N, C-alpha and C. Protein backbone atom coordinates (compact mmCIF):
# COMPACT_ATOMS: atom_id res chain seq x y z
N MET A 1 -5.05 -22.96 -15.78
CA MET A 1 -5.00 -21.66 -16.49
C MET A 1 -3.63 -21.73 -17.38
N ASP A 2 -3.83 -21.51 -18.89
CA ASP A 2 -2.64 -21.56 -19.62
C ASP A 2 -2.02 -20.16 -19.44
N GLU A 3 -0.73 -20.15 -20.05
CA GLU A 3 -0.01 -18.92 -19.80
C GLU A 3 -0.60 -17.67 -20.42
N ARG A 4 -1.12 -17.82 -21.46
CA ARG A 4 -1.61 -16.59 -22.17
C ARG A 4 -2.88 -16.10 -21.16
N GLU A 5 -3.90 -16.95 -20.67
CA GLU A 5 -4.79 -16.44 -19.80
C GLU A 5 -4.26 -16.06 -18.48
N ARG A 6 -3.32 -16.48 -17.98
CA ARG A 6 -2.51 -16.09 -16.90
C ARG A 6 -2.08 -14.68 -16.98
N HIS A 7 -1.46 -14.33 -18.19
CA HIS A 7 -1.00 -12.99 -18.63
C HIS A 7 -2.08 -12.03 -18.65
N ARG A 8 -3.09 -12.24 -19.25
CA ARG A 8 -4.31 -11.52 -19.48
C ARG A 8 -4.81 -11.13 -17.99
N THR A 9 -5.15 -12.23 -17.18
CA THR A 9 -5.56 -12.00 -16.01
C THR A 9 -4.70 -11.08 -15.03
N GLN A 10 -3.49 -11.31 -15.15
CA GLN A 10 -2.51 -10.37 -14.59
C GLN A 10 -2.72 -8.97 -14.88
N ARG A 11 -2.62 -8.65 -16.12
CA ARG A 11 -2.79 -7.33 -16.81
C ARG A 11 -4.20 -6.65 -16.12
N LEU A 12 -5.30 -7.41 -16.24
CA LEU A 12 -6.55 -7.00 -15.58
C LEU A 12 -6.37 -6.61 -14.14
N LEU A 13 -5.75 -7.57 -13.38
CA LEU A 13 -5.59 -7.26 -11.96
C LEU A 13 -4.84 -5.99 -11.72
N VAL A 14 -3.59 -5.85 -12.58
CA VAL A 14 -2.81 -4.52 -12.53
C VAL A 14 -3.53 -3.35 -12.71
N GLU A 15 -4.42 -3.40 -13.61
CA GLU A 15 -5.22 -2.22 -13.93
C GLU A 15 -6.19 -1.93 -12.85
N GLU A 16 -6.77 -2.95 -12.19
CA GLU A 16 -7.68 -2.81 -11.16
C GLU A 16 -6.92 -2.21 -9.87
N TYR A 17 -5.78 -2.71 -9.57
CA TYR A 17 -4.96 -2.19 -8.55
C TYR A 17 -4.75 -0.69 -8.89
N GLY A 18 -4.32 -0.32 -10.10
CA GLY A 18 -4.11 1.01 -10.38
C GLY A 18 -5.26 1.91 -10.22
N LEU A 19 -6.53 1.45 -10.55
CA LEU A 19 -7.84 2.38 -10.32
C LEU A 19 -8.18 2.38 -9.01
N LEU A 20 -7.76 1.37 -8.08
CA LEU A 20 -8.17 1.34 -6.78
C LEU A 20 -7.18 2.37 -6.01
N LEU A 21 -5.91 2.22 -6.38
CA LEU A 21 -4.88 3.25 -5.61
C LEU A 21 -5.18 4.66 -6.07
N GLU A 22 -5.67 4.88 -7.26
CA GLU A 22 -6.07 6.16 -7.71
C GLU A 22 -7.26 6.81 -6.90
N GLU A 23 -8.24 5.88 -6.69
CA GLU A 23 -9.45 6.34 -5.97
C GLU A 23 -8.97 6.61 -4.45
N MET A 24 -7.89 5.88 -4.07
CA MET A 24 -7.35 6.18 -2.62
C MET A 24 -6.45 7.37 -2.54
N GLY A 25 -6.19 8.05 -3.61
CA GLY A 25 -5.27 9.26 -3.49
C GLY A 25 -3.94 9.09 -4.11
N GLY A 26 -3.72 7.98 -4.54
CA GLY A 26 -2.28 7.87 -5.12
C GLY A 26 -2.54 8.02 -6.71
N THR A 27 -1.62 7.45 -7.38
CA THR A 27 -1.69 7.67 -8.83
C THR A 27 -1.98 6.30 -9.52
N ARG A 28 -2.63 6.24 -10.54
CA ARG A 28 -2.80 4.90 -11.21
C ARG A 28 -1.60 4.16 -11.50
N MET A 29 -0.50 4.95 -11.89
CA MET A 29 0.64 4.22 -12.18
C MET A 29 1.56 3.58 -10.93
N GLU A 30 1.22 4.29 -9.90
CA GLU A 30 1.78 3.83 -8.52
C GLU A 30 1.16 2.38 -8.31
N GLY A 31 -0.22 2.34 -8.43
CA GLY A 31 -0.93 1.07 -8.23
C GLY A 31 -0.51 0.13 -9.25
N ARG A 32 -0.26 0.45 -10.49
CA ARG A 32 0.12 -0.51 -11.51
C ARG A 32 1.47 -1.12 -11.02
N VAL A 33 2.36 -0.36 -10.72
CA VAL A 33 3.84 -0.82 -10.34
C VAL A 33 3.71 -1.60 -9.11
N LEU A 34 2.98 -1.14 -8.08
CA LEU A 34 2.79 -1.99 -6.85
C LEU A 34 2.25 -3.43 -7.22
N ALA A 35 1.16 -3.30 -8.06
CA ALA A 35 0.69 -4.64 -8.41
C ALA A 35 1.55 -5.43 -9.27
N TRP A 36 2.28 -4.85 -10.15
CA TRP A 36 3.08 -5.68 -11.03
C TRP A 36 4.23 -6.33 -10.14
N LEU A 37 4.76 -5.64 -9.04
CA LEU A 37 5.81 -6.22 -8.26
C LEU A 37 5.09 -7.39 -7.21
N LEU A 38 3.88 -7.30 -6.99
CA LEU A 38 3.26 -8.32 -6.15
C LEU A 38 2.95 -9.46 -7.04
N LEU A 39 2.71 -9.24 -8.39
CA LEU A 39 2.34 -10.42 -9.09
C LEU A 39 3.46 -10.99 -10.16
N ALA A 40 4.60 -10.36 -10.21
CA ALA A 40 5.62 -10.70 -11.06
C ALA A 40 6.26 -12.07 -10.63
N ASP A 41 6.56 -12.91 -11.43
CA ASP A 41 7.14 -14.19 -11.28
C ASP A 41 8.51 -14.08 -10.53
N VAL A 42 9.23 -13.08 -10.89
CA VAL A 42 10.46 -12.67 -10.23
C VAL A 42 10.22 -11.42 -9.32
N PRO A 43 10.35 -11.36 -8.07
CA PRO A 43 9.81 -10.24 -7.22
C PRO A 43 10.72 -9.08 -7.28
N GLU A 44 12.06 -9.06 -7.61
CA GLU A 44 12.72 -8.10 -7.97
C GLU A 44 12.90 -7.63 -9.42
N GLN A 45 12.55 -6.50 -9.64
CA GLN A 45 12.34 -6.10 -10.98
C GLN A 45 13.11 -4.62 -11.22
N SER A 46 13.61 -4.68 -12.33
CA SER A 46 14.30 -3.26 -12.75
C SER A 46 13.25 -2.45 -13.17
N LEU A 47 13.59 -1.12 -13.45
CA LEU A 47 12.64 -0.15 -13.98
C LEU A 47 12.18 -0.59 -15.45
N THR A 48 13.37 -1.03 -16.18
CA THR A 48 13.07 -1.45 -17.44
C THR A 48 12.03 -2.61 -17.64
N GLU A 49 12.34 -3.68 -16.73
CA GLU A 49 11.54 -4.73 -16.46
C GLU A 49 10.07 -4.31 -16.13
N ILE A 50 9.83 -3.54 -15.36
CA ILE A 50 8.58 -3.16 -14.89
C ILE A 50 7.82 -2.33 -16.14
N ALA A 51 8.59 -1.48 -16.78
CA ALA A 51 8.07 -0.82 -17.79
C ALA A 51 7.58 -1.72 -18.96
N ASP A 52 8.49 -2.65 -19.37
CA ASP A 52 8.23 -3.66 -20.26
C ASP A 52 7.02 -4.34 -19.95
N GLY A 53 6.89 -4.85 -18.76
CA GLY A 53 5.84 -5.63 -18.39
C GLY A 53 4.47 -4.83 -18.34
N LEU A 54 4.47 -3.71 -18.03
CA LEU A 54 3.28 -2.97 -17.99
C LEU A 54 3.00 -2.37 -19.34
N GLY A 55 3.96 -2.33 -20.37
CA GLY A 55 3.75 -1.61 -21.69
C GLY A 55 3.81 0.03 -21.44
N VAL A 56 4.50 0.57 -20.48
CA VAL A 56 4.41 1.96 -20.40
C VAL A 56 5.96 2.35 -20.49
N SER A 57 6.02 3.72 -20.38
CA SER A 57 7.51 4.24 -20.52
C SER A 57 8.26 4.08 -19.16
N LYS A 58 9.58 4.00 -19.27
CA LYS A 58 10.47 3.73 -18.17
C LYS A 58 10.25 5.04 -17.26
N ALA A 59 10.14 6.25 -17.89
CA ALA A 59 10.06 7.56 -17.05
C ALA A 59 8.80 7.44 -16.11
N ALA A 60 7.79 6.98 -16.69
CA ALA A 60 6.45 7.01 -15.83
C ALA A 60 6.63 5.94 -14.80
N VAL A 61 7.35 4.85 -14.98
CA VAL A 61 7.69 3.80 -13.98
C VAL A 61 8.67 4.43 -12.87
N SER A 62 9.69 5.21 -13.45
CA SER A 62 10.54 5.87 -12.35
C SER A 62 9.90 6.85 -11.54
N THR A 63 8.95 7.65 -12.01
CA THR A 63 8.29 8.52 -11.20
C THR A 63 7.33 7.90 -10.14
N ALA A 64 6.78 6.76 -10.50
CA ALA A 64 5.94 6.03 -9.69
C ALA A 64 6.84 5.41 -8.62
N ALA A 65 7.91 4.82 -9.09
CA ALA A 65 8.84 4.06 -8.17
C ALA A 65 9.32 5.00 -6.98
N ARG A 66 9.68 6.18 -7.52
CA ARG A 66 10.32 7.32 -6.52
C ARG A 66 9.25 7.53 -5.47
N SER A 67 7.95 7.57 -5.78
CA SER A 67 6.92 8.12 -4.88
C SER A 67 6.63 6.76 -4.05
N LEU A 68 6.72 5.62 -4.65
CA LEU A 68 6.45 4.31 -3.75
C LEU A 68 7.59 4.16 -2.79
N LEU A 69 8.72 4.49 -3.09
CA LEU A 69 9.96 4.43 -2.28
C LEU A 69 9.75 5.38 -1.13
N GLN A 70 9.45 6.68 -1.43
CA GLN A 70 9.11 7.63 -0.31
C GLN A 70 8.07 7.07 0.58
N SER A 71 7.05 6.54 0.13
CA SER A 71 5.95 6.17 1.07
C SER A 71 6.18 4.81 1.61
N ARG A 72 7.46 4.26 1.38
CA ARG A 72 7.88 2.92 1.98
C ARG A 72 6.89 1.68 1.59
N ALA A 73 6.46 1.70 0.40
CA ALA A 73 5.67 0.70 -0.11
C ALA A 73 6.55 -0.20 -0.85
N VAL A 74 7.70 0.20 -1.42
CA VAL A 74 8.67 -0.59 -2.19
C VAL A 74 10.02 -0.27 -1.69
N GLU A 75 11.06 -1.14 -2.04
CA GLU A 75 12.36 -0.78 -1.61
C GLU A 75 13.19 -1.11 -2.90
N ARG A 76 14.39 -0.33 -2.83
CA ARG A 76 15.39 -0.55 -3.89
C ARG A 76 16.41 -1.46 -3.42
N VAL A 77 16.78 -2.51 -4.22
CA VAL A 77 17.68 -3.52 -3.93
C VAL A 77 18.69 -3.64 -5.04
N SER A 78 19.69 -4.28 -4.69
CA SER A 78 20.74 -4.56 -5.62
C SER A 78 20.84 -6.15 -5.76
N GLU A 79 20.97 -6.60 -6.88
CA GLU A 79 21.07 -8.10 -7.03
C GLU A 79 22.47 -8.53 -7.47
N PRO A 80 23.12 -9.39 -6.76
CA PRO A 80 24.41 -9.99 -6.89
C PRO A 80 24.49 -10.29 -8.46
N GLY A 81 25.46 -9.85 -9.10
CA GLY A 81 25.79 -10.33 -10.51
C GLY A 81 25.04 -9.48 -11.54
N ARG A 82 24.07 -8.53 -11.02
CA ARG A 82 23.30 -7.68 -12.01
C ARG A 82 23.62 -6.27 -11.74
N ARG A 83 23.69 -5.68 -12.81
CA ARG A 83 23.83 -4.17 -12.68
C ARG A 83 22.52 -3.38 -12.59
N GLY A 84 22.67 -2.28 -11.91
CA GLY A 84 21.41 -1.46 -11.83
C GLY A 84 20.77 -1.70 -10.48
N ASP A 85 19.60 -0.90 -10.26
CA ASP A 85 18.78 -1.06 -9.19
C ASP A 85 17.57 -1.86 -9.58
N TYR A 86 17.14 -2.55 -8.49
CA TYR A 86 15.86 -3.37 -8.64
C TYR A 86 15.01 -2.93 -7.54
N TYR A 87 13.57 -3.07 -7.66
CA TYR A 87 12.61 -2.82 -6.78
C TYR A 87 11.80 -4.00 -6.37
N ARG A 88 11.30 -4.03 -5.30
CA ARG A 88 10.48 -5.04 -4.81
C ARG A 88 9.56 -4.46 -3.76
N SER A 89 8.42 -5.16 -3.53
CA SER A 89 7.44 -4.89 -2.41
C SER A 89 8.15 -5.09 -1.11
N ILE A 90 7.90 -4.33 -0.08
CA ILE A 90 8.52 -4.39 1.19
C ILE A 90 7.79 -5.52 1.92
N PRO A 91 8.36 -6.61 2.35
CA PRO A 91 7.51 -7.70 2.95
C PRO A 91 7.36 -7.21 4.27
N GLY A 92 6.22 -7.67 4.93
CA GLY A 92 5.97 -7.47 6.34
C GLY A 92 5.68 -5.99 6.77
N LYS A 93 5.26 -5.21 5.81
CA LYS A 93 5.00 -3.67 6.15
C LYS A 93 3.47 -3.48 6.03
N LEU A 94 2.57 -4.38 6.28
CA LEU A 94 1.22 -4.19 6.19
C LEU A 94 0.67 -3.17 7.30
N GLU A 95 1.35 -3.05 8.25
CA GLU A 95 1.01 -1.99 9.39
C GLU A 95 1.01 -0.67 8.75
N ASN A 96 1.80 -0.35 7.77
CA ASN A 96 1.67 0.94 7.19
C ASN A 96 0.32 1.15 6.35
N VAL A 97 -0.49 0.19 6.15
CA VAL A 97 -1.77 0.55 5.53
C VAL A 97 -2.48 1.41 6.38
N LEU A 98 -2.71 1.38 7.57
CA LEU A 98 -3.31 2.09 8.41
C LEU A 98 -2.43 2.83 9.43
N ARG A 99 -1.86 3.86 8.78
CA ARG A 99 -0.92 4.65 9.73
C ARG A 99 -1.57 5.63 10.61
N LEU A 100 -1.30 5.46 11.84
CA LEU A 100 -1.94 6.21 13.01
C LEU A 100 -1.61 7.67 12.72
N ASP A 101 -0.34 8.08 12.36
CA ASP A 101 -0.05 9.37 12.23
C ASP A 101 -0.70 10.03 11.11
N HIS A 102 -1.20 9.28 10.06
CA HIS A 102 -1.99 10.01 9.09
C HIS A 102 -3.31 10.26 9.57
N VAL A 103 -3.93 9.26 10.38
CA VAL A 103 -5.27 9.43 10.98
C VAL A 103 -5.24 10.70 11.83
N THR A 104 -4.16 10.71 12.73
CA THR A 104 -4.06 11.89 13.58
C THR A 104 -3.96 13.27 12.90
N ALA A 105 -3.18 13.22 12.00
CA ALA A 105 -3.04 14.44 11.19
C ALA A 105 -4.27 14.92 10.61
N LEU A 106 -5.06 13.96 10.07
CA LEU A 106 -6.32 14.23 9.45
C LEU A 106 -7.41 14.85 10.54
N ARG A 107 -7.34 14.18 11.66
CA ARG A 107 -8.13 14.46 12.74
C ARG A 107 -7.92 16.00 13.23
N ARG A 108 -6.70 16.33 13.31
CA ARG A 108 -6.27 17.71 13.75
C ARG A 108 -6.66 18.71 12.62
N LEU A 109 -6.59 18.29 11.34
CA LEU A 109 -7.12 19.22 10.36
C LEU A 109 -8.63 19.46 10.58
N VAL A 110 -9.42 18.37 10.89
CA VAL A 110 -10.85 18.43 11.02
C VAL A 110 -11.02 19.31 12.36
N ASP A 111 -10.33 19.05 13.38
CA ASP A 111 -10.46 19.83 14.58
C ASP A 111 -10.25 21.37 14.24
N ARG A 112 -9.31 21.74 13.54
CA ARG A 112 -9.03 23.09 13.30
C ARG A 112 -10.18 23.59 12.42
N SER A 113 -10.72 22.62 11.37
CA SER A 113 -11.85 23.17 10.68
C SER A 113 -13.16 23.38 11.47
N LEU A 114 -13.27 22.55 12.51
CA LEU A 114 -14.43 22.77 13.40
C LEU A 114 -14.29 23.98 14.20
N GLU A 115 -13.14 24.36 14.56
CA GLU A 115 -12.89 25.75 15.21
C GLU A 115 -13.33 26.90 14.38
N LEU A 116 -13.02 26.70 13.07
CA LEU A 116 -13.04 27.77 12.05
C LEU A 116 -14.64 27.95 11.92
N VAL A 117 -15.40 26.98 11.97
CA VAL A 117 -16.79 27.00 11.65
C VAL A 117 -17.76 26.88 12.97
N ALA A 118 -17.09 27.14 14.03
CA ALA A 118 -17.86 26.96 15.23
C ALA A 118 -19.02 27.91 15.50
N GLY A 119 -18.99 28.98 14.82
CA GLY A 119 -20.09 30.09 14.98
C GLY A 119 -21.06 29.92 13.93
N GLN A 120 -21.10 28.86 13.05
CA GLN A 120 -21.86 28.65 11.93
C GLN A 120 -23.02 27.58 12.35
N ASP A 121 -24.18 27.48 11.72
CA ASP A 121 -25.12 26.51 11.87
C ASP A 121 -24.59 25.11 11.63
N GLN A 122 -24.31 24.36 12.79
CA GLN A 122 -23.72 23.08 12.79
C GLN A 122 -24.51 22.15 12.10
N MET A 123 -25.79 22.37 11.74
CA MET A 123 -26.86 21.36 11.19
C MET A 123 -26.54 21.28 9.61
N GLN A 124 -25.76 22.19 9.05
CA GLN A 124 -25.43 22.19 7.72
C GLN A 124 -24.69 20.91 7.51
N SER A 125 -25.16 20.32 6.23
CA SER A 125 -24.69 19.01 5.96
C SER A 125 -23.12 19.01 5.97
N ASN A 126 -22.45 19.94 5.48
CA ASN A 126 -20.93 19.89 5.37
C ASN A 126 -20.37 20.00 6.79
N TYR A 127 -20.92 20.82 7.67
CA TYR A 127 -20.54 20.87 9.04
C TYR A 127 -20.81 19.55 9.88
N ALA A 128 -21.97 19.09 9.63
CA ALA A 128 -22.28 17.78 10.19
C ALA A 128 -21.26 16.64 9.80
N LEU A 129 -20.89 16.72 8.46
CA LEU A 129 -19.91 15.62 8.03
C LEU A 129 -18.57 15.93 8.71
N LEU A 130 -18.18 17.20 9.13
CA LEU A 130 -17.07 17.44 9.86
C LEU A 130 -17.03 16.81 11.25
N HIS A 131 -18.27 16.89 11.84
CA HIS A 131 -18.32 16.51 13.25
C HIS A 131 -18.32 14.77 13.07
N GLU A 132 -18.85 14.22 12.17
CA GLU A 132 -18.89 12.80 11.93
C GLU A 132 -17.36 12.44 11.63
N MET A 133 -16.68 13.03 10.78
CA MET A 133 -15.37 12.80 10.63
C MET A 133 -14.50 12.85 11.87
N HIS A 134 -14.82 13.74 12.74
CA HIS A 134 -14.04 13.92 14.01
C HIS A 134 -14.38 12.64 14.78
N ASP A 135 -15.48 12.37 14.91
CA ASP A 135 -15.92 11.04 15.75
C ASP A 135 -15.25 9.92 15.27
N PHE A 136 -15.25 9.60 13.85
CA PHE A 136 -14.72 8.54 13.27
C PHE A 136 -13.35 8.47 13.23
N LEU A 137 -12.62 9.63 13.15
CA LEU A 137 -11.15 9.55 13.31
C LEU A 137 -10.73 9.34 14.67
N GLY A 138 -11.42 9.94 15.64
CA GLY A 138 -11.17 9.60 17.07
C GLY A 138 -11.30 8.26 17.27
N PHE A 139 -12.30 7.48 16.77
CA PHE A 139 -12.66 6.21 17.07
C PHE A 139 -11.40 5.41 16.36
N LEU A 140 -10.90 5.84 15.19
CA LEU A 140 -9.83 5.07 14.63
C LEU A 140 -8.57 5.19 15.45
N GLU A 141 -8.38 6.44 15.84
CA GLU A 141 -7.15 6.70 16.74
C GLU A 141 -7.08 5.69 17.89
N ALA A 142 -8.32 5.45 18.53
CA ALA A 142 -8.32 4.66 19.70
C ALA A 142 -8.15 3.15 19.34
N GLU A 143 -8.52 2.80 18.03
CA GLU A 143 -8.63 1.40 17.73
C GLU A 143 -7.37 0.88 17.09
N ILE A 144 -6.75 1.64 16.16
CA ILE A 144 -5.59 1.29 15.35
C ILE A 144 -4.57 0.64 16.10
N PRO A 145 -4.09 1.25 17.23
CA PRO A 145 -2.89 0.63 18.08
C PRO A 145 -3.29 -0.87 18.35
N GLY A 146 -4.45 -1.13 18.91
CA GLY A 146 -4.86 -2.43 19.40
C GLY A 146 -5.10 -3.36 18.18
N LEU A 147 -5.63 -2.86 17.07
CA LEU A 147 -5.77 -3.53 15.88
C LEU A 147 -4.33 -4.02 15.45
N MET A 148 -3.44 -3.01 15.40
CA MET A 148 -1.81 -3.32 14.88
C MET A 148 -1.35 -4.42 15.64
N SER A 149 -1.57 -4.29 16.97
CA SER A 149 -1.07 -5.29 18.00
C SER A 149 -1.54 -6.58 17.81
N ARG A 150 -2.78 -6.66 17.50
CA ARG A 150 -3.40 -7.99 17.18
C ARG A 150 -2.83 -8.57 15.86
N TRP A 151 -2.73 -7.73 14.97
CA TRP A 151 -2.20 -8.12 13.52
C TRP A 151 -0.87 -8.84 13.81
N VAL A 152 0.04 -7.89 14.56
CA VAL A 152 1.42 -8.43 14.76
C VAL A 152 1.40 -9.88 15.38
N ALA A 153 0.55 -9.85 16.36
CA ALA A 153 0.58 -11.39 17.17
C ALA A 153 0.11 -12.31 16.29
N HIS A 154 -0.98 -12.06 15.50
CA HIS A 154 -1.58 -13.05 14.54
C HIS A 154 -0.53 -13.35 13.51
N ARG A 155 0.14 -12.42 13.00
CA ARG A 155 1.15 -12.74 12.08
C ARG A 155 2.45 -13.67 12.61
N ALA A 156 2.71 -13.26 13.88
CA ALA A 156 3.83 -13.99 14.57
C ALA A 156 3.35 -15.49 14.78
N ALA A 157 2.11 -15.76 15.18
CA ALA A 157 1.38 -16.92 15.47
C ALA A 157 1.35 -17.80 14.14
N ASN A 158 1.06 -17.28 13.15
CA ASN A 158 0.95 -17.92 11.83
C ASN A 158 2.40 -18.31 11.40
N ARG A 159 3.37 -17.49 11.50
CA ARG A 159 4.70 -17.76 11.13
C ARG A 159 5.18 -18.94 12.02
N THR A 160 4.94 -18.88 13.20
CA THR A 160 5.42 -19.94 14.06
C THR A 160 4.79 -21.30 13.71
N GLY A 161 3.36 -21.27 13.48
CA GLY A 161 2.73 -22.42 13.06
C GLY A 161 3.02 -23.03 11.70
N ALA A 162 3.79 -22.23 10.86
CA ALA A 162 4.03 -22.56 9.46
C ALA A 162 5.44 -23.20 9.30
N ALA A 163 6.16 -23.07 10.55
CA ALA A 163 7.62 -23.41 10.36
C ALA A 163 7.60 -24.84 10.14
N GLY A 164 8.57 -25.29 9.26
CA GLY A 164 8.82 -26.71 9.08
C GLY A 164 7.77 -27.33 8.09
N ASP A 165 6.78 -26.57 7.61
CA ASP A 165 5.75 -27.10 6.71
C ASP A 165 6.23 -26.98 5.13
N GLY A 166 7.44 -26.58 4.91
CA GLY A 166 7.90 -26.22 3.47
C GLY A 166 7.34 -25.04 2.82
N SER A 167 6.57 -24.26 3.52
CA SER A 167 5.99 -23.12 2.95
C SER A 167 6.91 -21.95 2.71
N ILE A 168 6.40 -20.99 2.09
CA ILE A 168 7.31 -19.83 1.78
C ILE A 168 8.04 -19.25 3.06
N LEU A 169 7.26 -19.26 4.19
CA LEU A 169 7.82 -18.82 5.45
C LEU A 169 8.93 -19.62 5.80
N ASP A 170 8.87 -20.90 5.58
CA ASP A 170 9.98 -21.86 5.94
C ASP A 170 11.20 -21.71 5.10
N GLN A 171 10.98 -20.86 4.00
CA GLN A 171 12.23 -20.66 3.11
C GLN A 171 12.66 -19.20 3.25
N GLY A 172 12.38 -18.37 4.42
CA GLY A 172 12.88 -17.06 4.46
C GLY A 172 11.87 -16.11 3.96
N GLY A 173 10.83 -16.31 3.45
CA GLY A 173 9.98 -15.34 2.79
C GLY A 173 8.96 -14.87 3.80
N THR A 174 7.98 -13.94 3.35
CA THR A 174 6.95 -13.39 4.23
C THR A 174 5.77 -13.67 3.66
N PRO A 175 4.64 -13.68 4.42
CA PRO A 175 3.29 -13.95 3.90
C PRO A 175 2.97 -12.72 2.88
C-alpha cells in the first residue's frame, strides 16, 4: 500500500472509530482522537499534531482529550527535549472496556426502575425490557470478574511467550 492509500485508509478508519464511539455514548471527536493515537506513526502526539492530523480545530481536540483523560482512555505525557504536553493511548488498560462498576451502577438503576413500576402490568414491552436488562446485567456482573481474570492470564501468557522474539513486547511495548 502506498503512502497516499495508507493515509486515506487511516482517515476512513478514524471516522469509523468516531462513529462507533458516538454510537456507544461518547462523542465522535473522542473516537477520532482515540483512533488517531492508535494509528499514528508516533504514539505520543501534541494537541496541535492531533488537530492537524484530523483536520479539525485544536479546541475540539482539547475538549475530547480532556474527556478521554478523565475516562482514563489516554494519558498526558511529557517528552524529553520537547515543550508542552503530549497524549497517548494508555497501554494495557483493556480491562476498562468492560467496567464492572458501570454495569453494577446500571443494574442498580434498573432495579430502582423496576421498584417504581412494580404495580404496573409487567407484560408491557418497556417493563419486560427492564426485566431482561436486570437479568442481563446480573449475568454480566457474575461473568465479568472471571472474564477479566482470564484476559489478564491470557495477556501474561502471551507476553511470556513473546519474550526474546524481537517483538514489540520484547522492546518494552504492550500489545
